[in-house]
C-alpha atoms as a PDB file:
ATOM      1  CA  MET A   1      64.165  91.447  84.519  1.00  0.00           C
ATOM      2  CA  ARG A   2      66.766  94.024  83.774  1.00  0.00           C
ATOM      3  CA  ALA A   3      69.800  93.419  81.544  1.00  0.00           C
ATOM      4  CA  VAL A   4      73.198  95.013  81.549  1.00  0.00           C
ATOM      5  CA  ARG A   5      75.751  95.269  78.807  1.00  0.00           C
ATOM      6  CA  PHE A   6      79.478  94.598  79.085  1.00  0.00           C
ATOM      7  CA  LYS A   7      81.602  95.660  76.124  1.00  0.00           C
ATOM      8  CA  GLY A   8      78.604  95.093  73.864  1.00  0.00           C
ATOM      9  CA  ILE A   9      78.015  91.599  75.254  1.00  0.00           C
ATOM     10  CA  ARG A  10      74.611  91.066  76.846  1.00  0.00           C
ATOM     11  CA  ALA A  11      74.295  89.397  80.212  1.00  0.00           C
ATOM     12  CA  GLU A  12      71.273  89.008  82.509  1.00  0.00           C
ATOM     13  CA  ASP A  13      71.912  90.428  85.938  1.00  0.00           C
ATOM     14  CA  MET A  14      68.927  88.644  87.533  1.00  0.00           C
ATOM     15  CA  PRO A  15      68.849  86.334  89.412  1.00  0.00           C
ATOM     16  CA  TYR A  16      72.625  86.849  89.523  1.00  0.00           C
ATOM     17  CA  LEU A  17      73.349  83.155  89.277  1.00  0.00           C
ATOM     18  CA  PHE A  18      76.325  81.966  87.229  1.00  0.00           C
ATOM     19  CA  GLN A  19      76.966  84.899  84.922  1.00  0.00           C
ATOM     20  CA  SER A  20      79.296  83.991  82.014  1.00  0.00           C
ATOM     21  CA  TRP A  21      80.754  86.310  79.374  1.00  0.00           C
ATOM     22  CA  THR A  22      83.799  86.889  77.232  1.00  0.00           C
ATOM     23  CA  LEU A  23      86.180  89.814  77.813  1.00  0.00           C
ATOM     24  CA  LEU A  24      89.441  90.490  76.053  1.00  0.00           C
ATOM     25  CA  GLU A  25      89.158  87.031  74.408  1.00  0.00           C
ATOM     26  CA  VAL A  26      89.218  85.370  77.799  1.00  0.00           C
ATOM     27  CA  GLU A  27      86.219  83.359  79.062  1.00  0.00           C
ATOM     28  CA  ILE A  28      85.275  84.371  82.593  1.00  0.00           C
ATOM     29  CA  SER A  29      82.521  82.839  84.729  1.00  0.00           C
ATOM     30  CA  MET A  30      81.305  84.163  88.025  1.00  0.00           C
ATOM     31  CA  THR A  31      78.593  83.209  90.519  1.00  0.00           C
ATOM     32  CA  PHE A  32      76.575  85.854  92.331  1.00  0.00           C
ATOM     33  CA  THR A  33      73.796  85.412  94.826  1.00  0.00           C
ATOM     34  CA  HIS A  34      72.850  88.980  95.469  1.00  0.00           C
ATOM     35  CA  GLU A  35      72.593  92.114  93.362  1.00  0.00           C
ATOM     36  CA  GLU A  36      75.087  93.977  95.548  1.00  0.00           C
ATOM     37  CA  ASP A  37      77.669  91.216  95.132  1.00  0.00           C
ATOM     38  CA  PHE A  38      77.268  91.574  91.370  1.00  0.00           C
ATOM     39  CA  LYS A  39      77.544  95.334  91.315  1.00  0.00           C
ATOM     40  CA  ARG A  40      80.559  95.591  93.602  1.00  0.00           C
ATOM     41  CA  TYR A  41      82.741  94.111  90.865  1.00  0.00           C
ATOM     42  CA  HIS A  42      81.931  96.883  88.386  1.00  0.00           C
ATOM     43  CA  THR A  43      82.249 100.615  88.387  1.00  0.00           C
ATOM     44  CA  ASN A  44      78.882 101.018  86.611  1.00  0.00           C
ATOM     45  CA  ASP A  45      76.144  98.980  85.033  1.00  0.00           C
ATOM     46  CA  GLU A  46      77.230  99.524  81.458  1.00  0.00           C
ATOM     47  CA  CYS A  47      80.797  98.378  81.268  1.00  0.00           C
ATOM     48  CA  CYS A  48      83.386  96.557  83.405  1.00  0.00           C
ATOM     49  CA  ASN A  49      86.478  98.634  82.945  1.00  0.00           C
ATOM     50  CA  LEU A  50      89.136  96.073  83.791  1.00  0.00           C
ATOM     51  CA  GLY A  51      91.831  98.694  84.012  1.00  0.00           C
ATOM     52  CA  ARG A  52      90.075 100.938  86.520  1.00  0.00           C
ATOM     53  CA  SER A  53      87.431  98.889  88.309  1.00  0.00           C
ATOM     54  CA  ARG A  54      87.849  99.096  92.095  1.00  0.00           C
ATOM     55  CA  TYR A  55      87.660  95.344  92.455  1.00  0.00           C
ATOM     56  CA  CYS A  56      89.385  94.230  89.296  1.00  0.00           C
ATOM     57  CA  ASP A  57      93.110  93.455  89.140  1.00  0.00           C
ATOM     58  CA  SER A  58      95.139  96.243  87.540  1.00  0.00           C
ATOM     59  CA  PHE A  59      95.889  94.342  84.355  1.00  0.00           C
ATOM     60  CA  ASN A  60      94.844  90.727  84.377  1.00  0.00           C
ATOM     61  CA  PRO A  61      91.304  89.868  83.364  1.00  0.00           C
ATOM     62  CA  TYR A  62      91.608  86.733  85.524  1.00  0.00           C
ATOM     63  CA  GLY A  63      91.916  89.112  88.462  1.00  0.00           C
ATOM     64  CA  ILE A  64      88.145  89.533  88.429  1.00  0.00           C
ATOM     65  CA  ASN A  65      88.175  86.267  90.361  1.00  0.00           C
ATOM     66  CA  SER A  66      88.811  87.000  94.042  1.00  0.00           C
ATOM     67  CA  ALA A  67      91.686  84.420  94.112  1.00  0.00           C
ATOM     68  CA  GLY A  68      93.569  86.707  91.756  1.00  0.00           C
ATOM     69  CA  LEU A  69      93.183  89.885  93.850  1.00  0.00           C
ATOM     70  CA  PRO A  70      96.327  91.252  95.578  1.00  0.00           C
ATOM     71  CA  GLN A  71      94.638  91.658  98.977  1.00  0.00           C
ATOM     72  CA  ASN A  72      93.812  87.937  98.966  1.00  0.00           C
ATOM     73  CA  ASN A  73      97.503  87.129  98.427  1.00  0.00           C
ATOM     74  CA  GLY A  74      99.087  89.292 101.046  1.00  0.00           C
ATOM     75  CA  PHE A  75      99.708  92.387  98.925  1.00  0.00           C
ATOM     76  CA  THR A  76      98.202  95.883  98.825  1.00  0.00           C
ATOM     77  CA  ALA A  77      98.401  96.190  95.087  1.00  0.00           C
ATOM     78  CA  TRP A  78     100.326  94.674  92.169  1.00  0.00           C
ATOM     79  CA  THR A  79     100.897  95.136  88.471  1.00  0.00           C
ATOM     80  CA  TYR A  80      98.956  91.957  87.634  1.00  0.00           C
ATOM     81  CA  ASP A  81      98.188  88.545  89.086  1.00  0.00           C
ATOM     82  CA  ILE A  82     101.421  86.949  90.243  1.00  0.00           C
ATOM     83  CA  ALA A  83     100.234  83.649  88.809  1.00  0.00           C
ATOM     84  CA  MET A  84     100.716  85.051  85.300  1.00  0.00           C
ATOM     85  CA  ALA A  85     104.394  85.929  85.905  1.00  0.00           C
ATOM     86  CA  PHE A  86     105.657  82.569  84.683  1.00  0.00           C
ATOM     87  CA  CYS A  87     108.399  83.849  82.405  1.00  0.00           C
ATOM     88  CA  LEU A  88     111.928  84.955  83.504  1.00  0.00           C
ATOM     89  CA  LEU A  89     113.398  87.983  81.708  1.00  0.00           C
ATOM     90  CA  PRO A  90     116.765  89.621  82.311  1.00  0.00           C
ATOM     91  CA  PHE A  91     116.987  93.038  83.795  1.00  0.00           C
ATOM     92  CA  ILE A  92     119.108  95.470  81.740  1.00  0.00           C
ATOM     93  CA  GLU A  93     121.612  97.603  83.641  1.00  0.00           C
ATOM     94  CA  GLY A  94     121.262 101.361  83.376  1.00  0.00           C
ATOM     95  CA  HIS A  95     117.554 101.290  82.553  1.00  0.00           C
ATOM     96  CA  VAL A  96     114.689 102.501  84.753  1.00  0.00           C
ATOM     97  CA  TYR A  97     111.723 100.159  84.545  1.00  0.00           C
ATOM     98  CA  LEU A  98     108.306 101.558  85.428  1.00  0.00           C
ATOM     99  CA  ALA A  99     105.174  99.528  86.059  1.00  0.00           C
ATOM    100  CA  ARG A 100     101.753 100.874  86.993  1.00  0.00           C
ATOM    101  CA  ILE A 101      99.641  99.839  89.987  1.00  0.00           C
ATOM    102  CA  ASP A 102      96.111 101.035  90.702  1.00  0.00           C
ATOM    103  CA  ILE A 103      95.036 101.705  94.306  1.00  0.00           C
ATOM    104  CA  GLU A 104      91.437 100.938  95.390  1.00  0.00           C
ATOM    105  CA  ARG A 105      91.542 102.115  99.029  1.00  0.00           C
ATOM    106  CA  PRO A 106      93.881 104.239 101.185  1.00  0.00           C
ATOM    107  CA  VAL A 107      96.913 102.169 102.216  1.00  0.00           C
ATOM    108  CA  LEU A 108     100.195 102.814 103.928  1.00  0.00           C
ATOM    109  CA  ALA A 109     102.915 101.114 101.831  1.00  0.00           C
ATOM    110  CA  SER A 110     106.342 100.371 103.177  1.00  0.00           C
ATOM    111  CA  SER A 111     107.891  97.972 100.686  1.00  0.00           C
ATOM    112  CA  ILE A 112     108.081  97.008  96.999  1.00  0.00           C
ATOM    113  CA  HIS A 113     108.250  93.370  95.954  1.00  0.00           C
ATOM    114  CA  LEU A 114     109.604  91.428  93.000  1.00  0.00           C
ATOM    115  CA  VAL A 115     110.093  87.788  92.105  1.00  0.00           C
ATOM    116  CA  VAL A 116     113.781  86.837  91.519  1.00  0.00           C
ATOM    117  CA  GLY A 117     114.134  83.871  89.182  1.00  0.00           C
ATOM    118  CA  THR A 118     117.915  83.868  88.724  1.00  0.00           C
ATOM    119  CA  SER A 119     119.760  85.333  91.677  1.00  0.00           C
ATOM    120  CA  VAL A 120     123.041  87.217  91.583  1.00  0.00           C
ATOM    121  CA  GLU A 121     124.688  87.135  94.987  1.00  0.00           C
ATOM    122  CA  GLN A 122     127.020  90.015  95.784  1.00  0.00           C
ATOM    123  CA  ARG A 123     126.882  91.393  92.249  1.00  0.00           C
ATOM    124  CA  ILE A 124     124.392  94.228  92.630  1.00  0.00           C
ATOM    125  CA  HIS A 125     125.945  97.560  93.457  1.00  0.00           C
ATOM    126  CA  SER A 126     124.816  99.726  96.402  1.00  0.00           C
ATOM    127  CA  ASP A 127     123.688 102.562  94.136  1.00  0.00           C
ATOM    128  CA  SER A 128     120.900 100.363  92.779  1.00  0.00           C
ATOM    129  CA  ILE A 129     117.529 101.715  93.822  1.00  0.00           C
ATOM    130  CA  ALA A 130     113.734 101.302  93.541  1.00  0.00           C
ATOM    131  CA  GLY A 131     110.975 103.860  94.118  1.00  0.00           C
ATOM    132  CA  ILE A 132     107.389 104.964  93.710  1.00  0.00           C
ATOM    133  CA  TYR A 133     106.181 107.655  91.310  1.00  0.00           C
ATOM    134  CA  ASP A 134     102.751 109.261  91.360  1.00  0.00           C
ATOM    135  CA  TRP A 135     100.333 109.541  88.416  1.00  0.00           C
ATOM    136  CA  ASN A 136     102.184 112.631  87.185  1.00  0.00           C
ATOM    137  CA  TYR A 137     105.450 110.679  87.093  1.00  0.00           C
ATOM    138  CA  THR A 138     106.924 112.565  90.035  1.00  0.00           C
ATOM    139  CA  LEU A 139     109.161 110.604  92.402  1.00  0.00           C
ATOM    140  CA  LEU A 140     107.638 110.231  95.855  1.00  0.00           C
ATOM    141  CA  ARG A 141     109.726 107.623  97.673  1.00  0.00           C
ATOM    142  CA  THR A 142     112.901 105.634  97.185  1.00  0.00           C
ATOM    143  CA  THR A 143     114.227 102.519  98.853  1.00  0.00           C
ATOM    144  CA  LYS A 144     116.939 101.770 101.313  1.00  0.00           C
ATOM    145  CA  ASP A 145     119.953  99.792 100.227  1.00  0.00           C
ATOM    146  CA  ILE A 146     118.708  96.932  97.976  1.00  0.00           C
ATOM    147  CA  SER A 147     122.085  95.518  96.943  1.00  0.00           C
ATOM    148  CA  GLY A 148     121.488  92.275  98.898  1.00  0.00           C
ATOM    149  CA  ALA A 149     117.860  91.750  97.787  1.00  0.00           C
ATOM    150  CA  PHE A 150     118.743  89.701  94.741  1.00  0.00           C
ATOM    151  CA  ALA A 151     120.940  87.054  96.359  1.00  0.00           C
ATOM    152  CA  LYS A 152     118.172  84.414  96.570  1.00  0.00           C
ATOM    153  CA  ASN A 153     115.418  83.197  94.292  1.00  0.00           C
ATOM    154  CA  GLY A 154     111.801  83.924  95.178  1.00  0.00           C
ATOM    155  CA  ILE A 155     109.801  86.960  96.279  1.00  0.00           C
ATOM    156  CA  THR A 156     112.158  89.635  97.467  1.00  0.00           C
ATOM    157  CA  THR A 157     111.437  92.731  99.561  1.00  0.00           C
ATOM    158  CA  LEU A 158     112.722  96.229  98.790  1.00  0.00           C
ATOM    159  CA  GLU A 159     112.153  98.402 101.850  1.00  0.00           C
ATOM    160  CA  LEU A 160     111.164 102.041 101.303  1.00  0.00           C
ATOM    161  CA  ASP A 161     113.131 104.684 103.201  1.00  0.00           C
ATOM    162  CA  ALA A 162     109.806 105.782 104.723  1.00  0.00           C
ATOM    163  CA  PRO A 163     106.216 104.564 104.496  1.00  0.00           C
ATOM    164  CA  ILE A 164     103.930 106.359 102.077  1.00  0.00           C
ATOM    165  CA  LEU A 165     100.197 106.792 101.987  1.00  0.00           C
ATOM    166  CA  LEU A 166      98.777 105.674  98.657  1.00  0.00           C
ATOM    167  CA  LEU A 167      95.457 107.332  97.772  1.00  0.00           C
ATOM    168  CA  PRO A 168      92.441 105.473  96.379  1.00  0.00           C
ATOM    169  CA  ASP A 169      91.377 105.730  92.748  1.00  0.00           C
ATOM    170  CA  LYS A 170      94.886 106.810  91.799  1.00  0.00           C
ATOM    171  CA  SER A 171      97.602 105.204  89.697  1.00  0.00           C
ATOM    172  CA  TYR A 172     101.203 104.902  90.861  1.00  0.00           C
ATOM    173  CA  TYR A 173     104.309 103.660  89.115  1.00  0.00           C
ATOM    174  CA  LEU A 174     106.834 101.323  90.738  1.00  0.00           C
ATOM    175  CA  ALA A 175     110.370 101.878  89.458  1.00  0.00           C
ATOM    176  CA  LEU A 176     113.518  99.819  89.540  1.00  0.00           C
ATOM    177  CA  LEU A 177     117.118 100.707  88.554  1.00  0.00           C
ATOM    178  CA  LEU A 178     119.969  98.206  88.964  1.00  0.00           C
ATOM    179  CA  SER A 179     123.670  98.420  88.386  1.00  0.00           C
ATOM    180  CA  GLY A 180     126.353  95.797  89.026  1.00  0.00           C
ATOM    181  CA  SER A 181     128.534  93.127  87.505  1.00  0.00           C
ATOM    182  CA  GLY A 182     125.608  90.723  86.852  1.00  0.00           C
ATOM    183  CA  MET A 183     121.886  91.267  86.390  1.00  0.00           C
ATOM    184  CA  PRO A 184     119.132  89.032  87.812  1.00  0.00           C
ATOM    185  CA  GLN A 185     116.283  87.509  85.852  1.00  0.00           C
ATOM    186  CA  LEU A 186     112.886  88.608  87.203  1.00  0.00           C
ATOM    187  CA  ALA A 187     109.432  87.105  86.830  1.00  0.00           C
ATOM    188  CA  ALA A 188     107.410  88.746  84.072  1.00  0.00           C
ATOM    189  CA  LEU A 189     104.758  88.270  81.450  1.00  0.00           C
ATOM    190  CA  PRO A 190     106.085  86.299  78.464  1.00  0.00           C
ATOM    191  CA  THR A 191     106.145  89.352  76.246  1.00  0.00           C
ATOM    192  CA  SER A 192     106.943  92.994  76.453  1.00  0.00           C
ATOM    193  CA  VAL A 193     104.121  95.502  76.783  1.00  0.00           C
ATOM    194  CA  GLY A 194     103.980  96.359  73.098  1.00  0.00           C
ATOM    195  CA  MET A 195     100.243  97.002  73.037  1.00  0.00           C
ATOM    196  CA  LEU A 196     100.664 100.241  74.894  1.00  0.00           C
ATOM    197  CA  SER A 197     102.509 103.034  73.099  1.00  0.00           C
ATOM    198  CA  ALA A 198     104.778 105.397  74.959  1.00  0.00           C
ATOM    199  CA  GLY A 199     103.047 108.597  75.936  1.00  0.00           C
ATOM    200  CA  SER A 200      99.744 106.884  76.620  1.00  0.00           C
ATOM    201  CA  ALA A 201      97.828 108.155  79.650  1.00  0.00           C
ATOM    202  CA  LEU A 202      97.145 104.503  80.420  1.00  0.00           C
ATOM    203  CA  LEU A 203     100.788 103.540  80.292  1.00  0.00           C
ATOM    204  CA  ARG A 204     101.223 100.246  82.186  1.00  0.00           C
ATOM    205  CA  ALA A 205     104.947  99.804  81.818  1.00  0.00           C
ATOM    206  CA  GLY A 206     107.860 101.650  80.295  1.00  0.00           C
ATOM    207  CA  MET A 207     111.580 101.717  80.175  1.00  0.00           C
ATOM    208  CA  LEU A 208     113.894 104.768  80.445  1.00  0.00           C
ATOM    209  CA  PRO A 209     117.542 104.222  79.341  1.00  0.00           C
ATOM    210  CA  GLY A 210     120.635 106.119  80.349  1.00  0.00           C
ATOM    211  CA  CYS A 211     120.263 106.015  84.135  1.00  0.00           C
ATOM    212  CA  TYR A 212     122.958 104.460  86.338  1.00  0.00           C
ATOM    213  CA  ASN A 213     122.987 105.780  89.855  1.00  0.00           C
ATOM    214  CA  CYS A 214     119.710 107.529  90.676  1.00  0.00           C
ATOM    215  CA  LEU A 215     116.114 107.698  89.790  1.00  0.00           C
ATOM    216  CA  PRO A 216     115.061 110.992  88.066  1.00  0.00           C
ATOM    217  CA  CYS A 217     112.866 113.270  90.216  1.00  0.00           C
ATOM    218  CA  LYS A 218     110.470 113.598  87.282  1.00  0.00           C
ATOM    219  CA  VAL A 219     110.002 111.242  84.370  1.00  0.00           C
ATOM    220  CA  SER A 220     108.935 112.475  80.929  1.00  0.00           C
ATOM    221  CA  VAL A 221     106.702 109.915  79.205  1.00  0.00           C
ATOM    222  CA  ASP A 222     107.882 110.757  75.674  1.00  0.00           C
ATOM    223  CA  PRO A 223     111.279 108.983  75.818  1.00  0.00           C
ATOM    224  CA  LEU A 224     109.842 105.846  77.412  1.00  0.00           C
ATOM    225  CA  SER A 225     109.846 102.708  75.293  1.00  0.00           C
ATOM    226  CA  ASN A 226     107.954  99.484  75.558  1.00  0.00           C
ATOM    227  CA  ALA A 227     109.455  97.220  78.177  1.00  0.00           C
ATOM    228  CA  PRO A 228     109.358  93.770  79.703  1.00  0.00           C
ATOM    229  CA  TYR A 229     106.384  93.686  82.018  1.00  0.00           C
ATOM    230  CA  PHE A 230     108.000  92.587  85.260  1.00  0.00           C
ATOM    231  CA  TRP A 231     105.715  91.591  88.116  1.00  0.00           C
ATOM    232  CA  MET A 232     105.892  94.077  90.958  1.00  0.00           C
ATOM    233  CA  GLY A 233     103.747  94.555  94.083  1.00  0.00           C
ATOM    234  CA  VAL A 234     103.575  96.646  97.224  1.00  0.00           C
ATOM    235  CA  LYS A 235     102.728  96.028 100.866  1.00  0.00           C
END
């Protein structure tokens, strides 16, 4: 009987029945009936890297459960499980918000999605914009006019000006910049992403001030500050 180790916590991988362990102070239990089912959730036999595993959600340790995976909820990828976005936080005008998504398989994305908690009908200006940056913080795509996308509460769709192929095993950053006479509240985690310092190669979210009518073609990580972790997804 062979054993594997996860973050220094021992778990028996045979007979793959009801494995239970603790990761990131969260108790997770899973049931496996075959060795391949067990292995497919991990990048290797030594450590389940929740941030980079092909089958783990980008951020949320609960995402290791298939119910918390984006593809099982109608999305290609997302920042974290939408079920965790139970807090509403205001968007600040003139700030670019960035949030990382990890791609597990090649996909053609055509839209960015957010959850509007407090709508602002006819108060978002037409120069508001969203986009997608690559892992080098280079702008790849921007959206069409999104000024009417925040008029109703719920999941909103921001259409890209053209579809984009997202490559597997790569990280991308979804960006949002709003201007107008009133800002919406968006679904987010209940705290800012203070655990990740600006300039980190594993940056999950960041905020760039001083932008009002366009997304920069290239973002420098150094001026980014910790930011509200808004939920964002792509299809």
